[in-house]
């Protein structure tokens, strides 16, 4: 698989694959020997056969394939995500053991013009073409060349984690440089995985937080639909170049109803559309790139009215939003603002507004 990167975002340098597998084999040998001894004596004490209290020299030599499952699980719990990925490629037995082991992971997939980076729990792997049009993998400071298209190889490693029903992705971050071409290539990869999962009885990707570098509501909606509605709890949108638009596209998918934490880093074209759809959200923030006090004040008031139940009534009145120009024009609402801010319904919600990085 892939070994770790000193390229653009590299972070750490664990031992090489060969040394790591050798170390694991030594650990396995010791654990198997101990386990065999315990099981052997337990068997003979239960049968009251004192003459067999000596170790059976005909016992098969220990190896990774015959390691007791509890011992193997203990080893897996002490390996990082890259080391587990290496171990699963040794043979079928170890692959099944790794895949059946319940685990969580943070995944970042960055699709660029001439390379792809896959970051697993902070450990980055970079895939790119070398001079001979083969896949070059940068990982653990050491390049590796494989006879494969770099997109296909990155896709294979990415799919190991997305398609495994025993892996829960705590945070899935997807980026594609705001490129239409790269977005549809990434979407094709994800939809292929999604089809495999649903054909096997799954409901989508097991992801808790989806983080997207995108401003288009239609693209956000298409990716949000691929997430298992039973696992998604948080949506983060980062759009430092363009304001979020077409908000109605993603607030109308079933997954939106399960969102409890919603954050936007950047500007929003129609913030009222989003705020009006925050009925199930318990925490949200819009970190604006420009310091628009009027807009921020309006959003604060609207959110307070929303969670207090007052907004539903106001929306039924004629031309409420068309007359809603500025917080400072709502002088008649000042007393209600103070009252609602201290109400129990507001205290159960939290908001955060401000400029990016504040």
Foldseek 3Di string as FASTA:
>chain_A
DFAFAPPDQADDADDDLVVLVVVVFVLQQVQQVVVVLVVQCVVCVVVVPVVSNDDDPVPDRTGPLPRPLVSVLVVVVPDFPVNLVSQLPPDVSSVVSSLPHAEEWAWEWEAEDFKIWIAINNTIWIWGQDPVRFIWIHHSNDIDTDRDHRVVVVLVVVLSQFQRPRYAYAEYEYYYPQDPVSLVVVLVSQVVSLVVNVVVPHQAGRYAEYEYADQELQSVQSVLNRYRLVRYAEYEYEYADDARPPVVNNLPHSSVLRYAEYEYAEHHPDVVVVLLSCLRHQEYEYAYQDDDPFVVLLSVVSNLCNLVVNVVVQVVDPCSVVPCDGPVVVPVCVVVSVVSCPDPSNVSGDYDYYHPPD
